Amino acid sequence: MGINEVRHALAWCIGINYTLLLAWVGVFFYAHDGLYRLHTRWFKLSPETFDALNYAGIAIYKLGIILFNLVPWVALYISS
C-alpha cells in the first residue's frame, strides 16, 4: 500500500468519523430529552451528569479523530 492509498484511506476515515461526530451532536442537541429518558432507564443519572458525560465523550472522540486521522493525513500530505 502506497502513501497515496494511505492518504486516501485517512481522508475517508476523517469524513466518516466527522459525520458520526456531527450525528452524535445533532442527536444530543435535538433529541436530548428522549436520549436522557432512554439512558436513565439503565443508569441513575442527573441531567447535569448526562450532559457532562456526553460533552466529555464528544470532546474525547473529536480529539481522537484529530490525533489518529487528521494529523497523520496532514503529515502525509506535507511529506509527499
C-alpha atoms as a PDB file:
ATOM      1  CA  MET A   1       0.000   0.000   0.000  1.00  0.00           C
ATOM      2  CA  GLY A   2       1.495   3.294  -1.096  1.00  0.00           C
ATOM      3  CA  ILE A   3       1.417   6.697   0.509  1.00  0.00           C
ATOM      4  CA  ASN A   4      -1.368   7.896  -1.794  1.00  0.00           C
ATOM      5  CA  GLU A   5      -3.604   4.978  -0.817  1.00  0.00           C
ATOM      6  CA  VAL A   6      -2.978   5.584   2.894  1.00  0.00           C
ATOM      7  CA  ARG A   7      -3.675   9.284   2.454  1.00  0.00           C
ATOM      8  CA  HIS A   8      -6.892   8.470   0.594  1.00  0.00           C
ATOM      9  CA  ALA A   9      -7.966   5.987   3.301  1.00  0.00           C
ATOM     10  CA  LEU A  10      -7.253   8.532   6.038  1.00  0.00           C
ATOM     11  CA  ALA A  11      -9.314  11.134   4.175  1.00  0.00           C
ATOM     12  CA  TRP A  12     -12.245   8.691   4.097  1.00  0.00           C
ATOM     13  CA  CYS A  13     -11.759   7.954   7.797  1.00  0.00           C
ATOM     14  CA  ILE A  14     -11.820  11.668   8.587  1.00  0.00           C
ATOM     15  CA  GLY A  15     -15.050  12.129   6.641  1.00  0.00           C
ATOM     16  CA  ILE A  16     -16.784   9.129   8.193  1.00  0.00           C
ATOM     17  CA  ASN A  17     -15.681   9.989  11.735  1.00  0.00           C
ATOM     18  CA  TYR A  18     -16.715  13.636  11.472  1.00  0.00           C
ATOM     19  CA  THR A  19     -20.093  12.509  10.086  1.00  0.00           C
ATOM     20  CA  LEU A  20     -20.560  10.278  13.130  1.00  0.00           C
ATOM     21  CA  LEU A  21     -19.449  13.113  15.414  1.00  0.00           C
ATOM     22  CA  LEU A  22     -21.934  15.528  13.852  1.00  0.00           C
ATOM     23  CA  ALA A  23     -24.692  12.909  14.104  1.00  0.00           C
ATOM     24  CA  TRP A  24     -23.918  12.454  17.819  1.00  0.00           C
ATOM     25  CA  VAL A  25     -24.016  16.224  18.394  1.00  0.00           C
ATOM     26  CA  GLY A  26     -27.237  16.517  16.390  1.00  0.00           C
ATOM     27  CA  VAL A  27     -29.000  13.733  18.279  1.00  0.00           C
ATOM     28  CA  PHE A  28     -27.761  15.137  21.581  1.00  0.00           C
ATOM     29  CA  PHE A  29     -28.964  18.627  20.686  1.00  0.00           C
ATOM     30  CA  TYR A  30     -32.299  17.845  19.020  1.00  0.00           C
ATOM     31  CA  ALA A  31     -33.383  14.706  20.908  1.00  0.00           C
ATOM     32  CA  HIS A  32     -31.864  15.491  24.302  1.00  0.00           C
ATOM     33  CA  ASP A  33     -34.924  14.632  26.399  1.00  0.00           C
ATOM     34  CA  GLY A  34     -35.627  11.336  24.660  1.00  0.00           C
ATOM     35  CA  LEU A  35     -31.993  10.337  24.845  1.00  0.00           C
ATOM     36  CA  TYR A  36     -31.894  11.252  28.537  1.00  0.00           C
ATOM     37  CA  ARG A  37     -35.023   9.176  29.262  1.00  0.00           C
ATOM     38  CA  LEU A  38     -33.550   6.229  27.379  1.00  0.00           C
ATOM     39  CA  HIS A  39     -30.325   6.290  29.360  1.00  0.00           C
ATOM     40  CA  THR A  40     -31.950   6.849  32.743  1.00  0.00           C
ATOM     41  CA  ARG A  41     -33.741   3.532  32.281  1.00  0.00           C
ATOM     42  CA  TRP A  42     -30.355   1.839  32.593  1.00  0.00           C
ATOM     43  CA  PHE A  43     -28.379   4.249  34.794  1.00  0.00           C
ATOM     44  CA  LYS A  44     -29.223   6.692  37.559  1.00  0.00           C
ATOM     45  CA  LEU A  45     -28.043   9.987  36.094  1.00  0.00           C
ATOM     46  CA  SER A  46     -28.888  13.570  36.781  1.00  0.00           C
ATOM     47  CA  PRO A  47     -29.370  15.791  33.728  1.00  0.00           C
ATOM     48  CA  GLU A  48     -26.142  17.617  34.572  1.00  0.00           C
ATOM     49  CA  THR A  49     -24.169  14.368  34.752  1.00  0.00           C
ATOM     50  CA  PHE A  50     -25.725  13.162  31.496  1.00  0.00           C
ATOM     51  CA  ASP A  51     -24.773  16.404  29.765  1.00  0.00           C
ATOM     52  CA  ALA A  52     -21.229  16.314  31.184  1.00  0.00           C
ATOM     53  CA  LEU A  53     -20.692  12.707  30.093  1.00  0.00           C
ATOM     54  CA  ASN A  54     -21.906  13.420  26.576  1.00  0.00           C
ATOM     55  CA  TYR A  55     -19.846  16.584  26.311  1.00  0.00           C
ATOM     56  CA  ALA A  56     -16.739  14.731  27.519  1.00  0.00           C
ATOM     57  CA  GLY A  57     -17.423  11.867  25.111  1.00  0.00           C
ATOM     58  CA  ILE A  58     -17.818  14.251  22.203  1.00  0.00           C
ATOM     59  CA  ALA A  59     -14.588  16.034  23.153  1.00  0.00           C
ATOM     60  CA  ILE A  60     -12.620  12.773  23.503  1.00  0.00           C
ATOM     61  CA  TYR A  61     -13.977  11.458  20.192  1.00  0.00           C
ATOM     62  CA  LYS A  62     -13.069  14.721  18.461  1.00  0.00           C
ATOM     63  CA  LEU A  63      -9.544  14.612  19.891  1.00  0.00           C
ATOM     64  CA  GLY A  64      -9.226  11.002  18.737  1.00  0.00           C
ATOM     65  CA  ILE A  65     -10.210  11.988  15.211  1.00  0.00           C
ATOM     66  CA  ILE A  66      -7.669  14.782  15.205  1.00  0.00           C
ATOM     67  CA  LEU A  67      -4.831  12.703  16.678  1.00  0.00           C
ATOM     68  CA  PHE A  68      -5.359   9.437  14.802  1.00  0.00           C
ATOM     69  CA  ASN A  69      -6.770  10.619  11.455  1.00  0.00           C
ATOM     70  CA  LEU A  70      -6.224  14.304  10.766  1.00  0.00           C
ATOM     71  CA  VAL A  71      -2.619  14.697  11.973  1.00  0.00           C
ATOM     72  CA  PRO A  72      -1.329  11.625  10.061  1.00  0.00           C
ATOM     73  CA  TRP A  73      -3.209  12.777   6.949  1.00  0.00           C
ATOM     74  CA  VAL A  74      -1.643  16.253   7.164  1.00  0.00           C
ATOM     75  CA  ALA A  75       1.807  14.739   7.810  1.00  0.00           C
ATOM     76  CA  LEU A  76       1.495  12.503   4.736  1.00  0.00           C
ATOM     77  CA  TYR A  77       0.191  15.414   2.669  1.00  0.00           C
ATOM     78  CA  ILE A  78       3.130  17.611   3.697  1.00  0.00           C
ATOM     79  CA  SER A  79       5.761  14.889   3.275  1.00  0.00           C
ATOM     80  CA  SER A  80       4.868  13.964  -0.285  1.00  0.00           C
END
